[in-house]
Amino acid sequence: MTKLGTHLIVDAWNAPADLLNDADRIRQALLEGITAGEATLIDLCVHQFSPHGVTATATLSESHIAIHTWPELGYFAADIFFCGRGKPEEAMKIVIKALKAGDYSITDLTRGYPSGADANGHLETFSAKSLKEIAGVA
């Protein structure tokens, strides 16, 4: 595979509900994570749900960070995708620590295209028709 980036997927549990429902704290955690990850912020959007929950997305030059919280469950889901430079692992450590997750799981994915792809990224082993068939689209 030709690596184009690193994508970290996080499930976190046993985090304090008050932190997971605090839009300002989540904004600050993302900003601290972006700094630690040596990334470049383009835009940050934070939305507070009623009665509880926060969704935040940071668009980065390197790609993105997103977080979704369920304070009533002490749970948050986050992902961070960096292509090119930066330290996604450092960014994610900051977010997990800032939101005081008691337990968490991180899936580390390499993003890119298979070695069997041509210079334009087209797969040699699949045609457009066979990909549609695989996806169940006629």
Protein backbone atom coordinates (compact mmCIF):
# COMPACT_ATOMS: atom_id res chain seq x y z
CA MET A 1 0.00 0.00 0.00
CA THR A 2 1.13 3.51 -0.74
CA LYS A 3 0.54 5.33 2.56
CA LEU A 4 -1.15 8.69 2.30
CA GLY A 5 -2.03 9.19 5.93
CA THR A 6 -2.78 7.89 9.41
CA HIS A 7 -6.35 7.63 10.68
CA LEU A 8 -6.89 7.04 14.41
CA ILE A 9 -10.37 5.93 15.50
CA VAL A 10 -11.10 6.24 19.22
CA ASP A 11 -13.89 4.89 21.40
CA ALA A 12 -13.66 6.23 24.97
CA TRP A 13 -15.69 5.37 28.04
CA ASN A 14 -16.02 6.41 31.66
CA ALA A 15 -15.41 10.09 30.98
CA PRO A 16 -17.07 12.69 33.23
CA ALA A 17 -20.44 13.78 31.87
CA ASP A 18 -19.80 17.44 32.69
CA LEU A 19 -16.67 17.48 30.48
CA LEU A 20 -18.43 15.68 27.64
CA ASN A 21 -21.24 18.24 27.74
CA ASP A 22 -18.95 21.28 27.88
CA ALA A 23 -18.61 22.71 24.36
CA ASP A 24 -15.94 25.21 25.46
CA ARG A 25 -13.83 22.48 27.08
CA ILE A 26 -14.09 20.31 23.97
CA ARG A 27 -13.10 23.28 21.81
CA GLN A 28 -10.06 23.84 24.05
CA ALA A 29 -9.15 20.12 23.99
CA LEU A 30 -9.17 20.12 20.19
CA LEU A 31 -7.08 23.29 20.01
CA GLU A 32 -4.56 21.80 22.47
CA GLY A 33 -4.51 18.57 20.46
CA ILE A 34 -3.92 20.45 17.21
CA THR A 35 -0.98 22.27 18.78
CA ALA A 36 0.50 19.05 20.23
CA GLY A 37 0.00 17.31 16.88
CA GLU A 38 1.85 20.11 15.09
CA ALA A 39 -1.12 20.58 12.75
CA THR A 40 -2.51 23.68 11.07
CA LEU A 41 -6.09 24.71 11.86
CA ILE A 42 -8.27 25.91 8.99
CA ASP A 43 -11.68 25.94 10.68
CA LEU A 44 -13.27 24.74 13.92
CA CYS A 45 -16.99 24.07 14.37
CA VAL A 46 -18.46 23.08 17.74
CA HIS A 47 -22.15 22.33 18.23
CA GLN A 48 -23.92 21.86 21.57
CA PHE A 49 -26.97 19.59 21.43
CA SER A 50 -29.99 19.84 23.71
CA PRO A 51 -30.41 18.37 26.21
CA HIS A 52 -26.83 17.07 26.04
CA GLY A 53 -23.98 16.12 23.74
CA VAL A 54 -21.40 17.93 21.67
CA THR A 55 -20.10 17.44 18.14
CA ALA A 56 -16.93 19.20 17.06
CA THR A 57 -14.94 19.12 13.85
CA ALA A 58 -11.61 20.71 13.13
CA THR A 59 -10.64 21.06 9.50
CA LEU A 60 -6.87 20.95 9.23
CA SER A 61 -4.34 21.46 6.47
CA GLU A 62 -3.38 17.88 7.35
CA SER A 63 -7.04 16.67 7.18
CA HIS A 64 -9.35 16.65 10.24
CA ILE A 65 -10.21 15.86 13.86
CA ALA A 66 -13.80 15.05 14.82
CA ILE A 67 -15.43 14.21 18.15
CA HIS A 68 -18.97 13.25 19.13
CA THR A 69 -20.02 12.93 22.80
CA TRP A 70 -22.72 11.12 24.73
CA PRO A 71 -22.40 12.62 28.24
CA GLU A 72 -25.26 10.52 29.60
CA LEU A 73 -23.18 7.42 28.79
CA GLY A 74 -19.76 8.82 29.66
CA TYR A 75 -18.76 7.99 26.07
CA PHE A 76 -17.14 9.80 23.19
CA ALA A 77 -16.11 8.78 19.70
CA ALA A 78 -13.29 10.62 17.97
CA ASP A 79 -11.24 10.32 14.87
CA ILE A 80 -8.16 12.05 13.66
CA PHE A 81 -6.84 11.80 10.15
CA PHE A 82 -3.47 13.31 9.28
CA CYS A 83 -1.86 13.10 5.89
CA GLY A 84 1.60 14.45 5.37
CA ARG A 85 3.31 15.98 8.36
CA GLY A 86 2.13 16.11 11.94
CA LYS A 87 1.81 13.86 14.95
CA PRO A 88 -1.72 12.43 15.12
CA GLU A 89 -0.86 10.21 18.10
CA GLU A 90 0.15 13.25 20.15
CA ALA A 91 -3.04 15.08 19.22
CA MET A 92 -5.19 12.12 20.26
CA LYS A 93 -3.34 11.70 23.59
CA ILE A 94 -4.22 15.30 24.46
CA VAL A 95 -7.92 14.84 23.63
CA ILE A 96 -8.18 11.61 25.65
CA LYS A 97 -6.41 13.18 28.63
CA ALA A 98 -8.37 16.46 28.46
CA LEU A 99 -11.71 14.61 28.51
CA LYS A 100 -10.49 12.25 31.26
CA ALA A 101 -11.48 9.01 29.57
CA GLY A 102 -11.28 6.16 32.07
CA ASP A 103 -11.02 3.56 29.32
CA TYR A 104 -10.41 3.81 25.60
CA SER A 105 -9.66 1.86 22.47
CA ILE A 106 -7.67 3.21 19.52
CA THR A 107 -7.72 1.71 16.04
CA ASP A 108 -4.79 2.86 13.90
CA LEU A 109 -5.49 2.70 10.17
CA THR A 110 -3.07 3.35 7.35
CA ARG A 111 -4.87 5.25 4.61
CA GLY A 112 -3.79 5.12 0.98
CA TYR A 113 -4.13 3.06 -2.11
CA PRO A 114 -3.09 -0.54 -2.78
CA SER A 115 0.23 -1.34 -4.38
CA GLY A 116 -1.77 -2.85 -7.26
CA ALA A 117 -3.11 0.57 -8.24
CA ASP A 118 -1.79 2.45 -11.25
CA ALA A 119 -0.32 5.96 -11.11
CA ASN A 120 -3.84 7.46 -11.05
CA GLY A 121 -4.89 5.30 -8.09
CA HIS A 122 -7.09 3.00 -10.19
CA LEU A 123 -7.20 -0.57 -9.03
CA GLU A 124 -6.02 -3.06 -11.59
CA THR A 125 -7.93 -5.92 -10.01
CA PHE A 126 -11.40 -4.30 -9.95
CA SER A 127 -13.45 -2.69 -12.68
CA ALA A 128 -16.05 -0.02 -11.99
CA LYS A 129 -18.76 -2.59 -12.65
CA SER A 130 -17.34 -5.13 -10.19
CA LEU A 131 -17.02 -2.43 -7.49
CA LYS A 132 -20.70 -1.58 -7.99
CA GLU A 133 -21.58 -5.26 -7.69
CA ILE A 134 -19.55 -5.53 -4.48
CA ALA A 135 -21.38 -2.53 -3.03
CA GLY A 136 -24.74 -3.93 -4.12
CA VAL A 137 -25.39 -1.10 -6.57
CA ALA A 138 -26.75 -2.09 -9.99
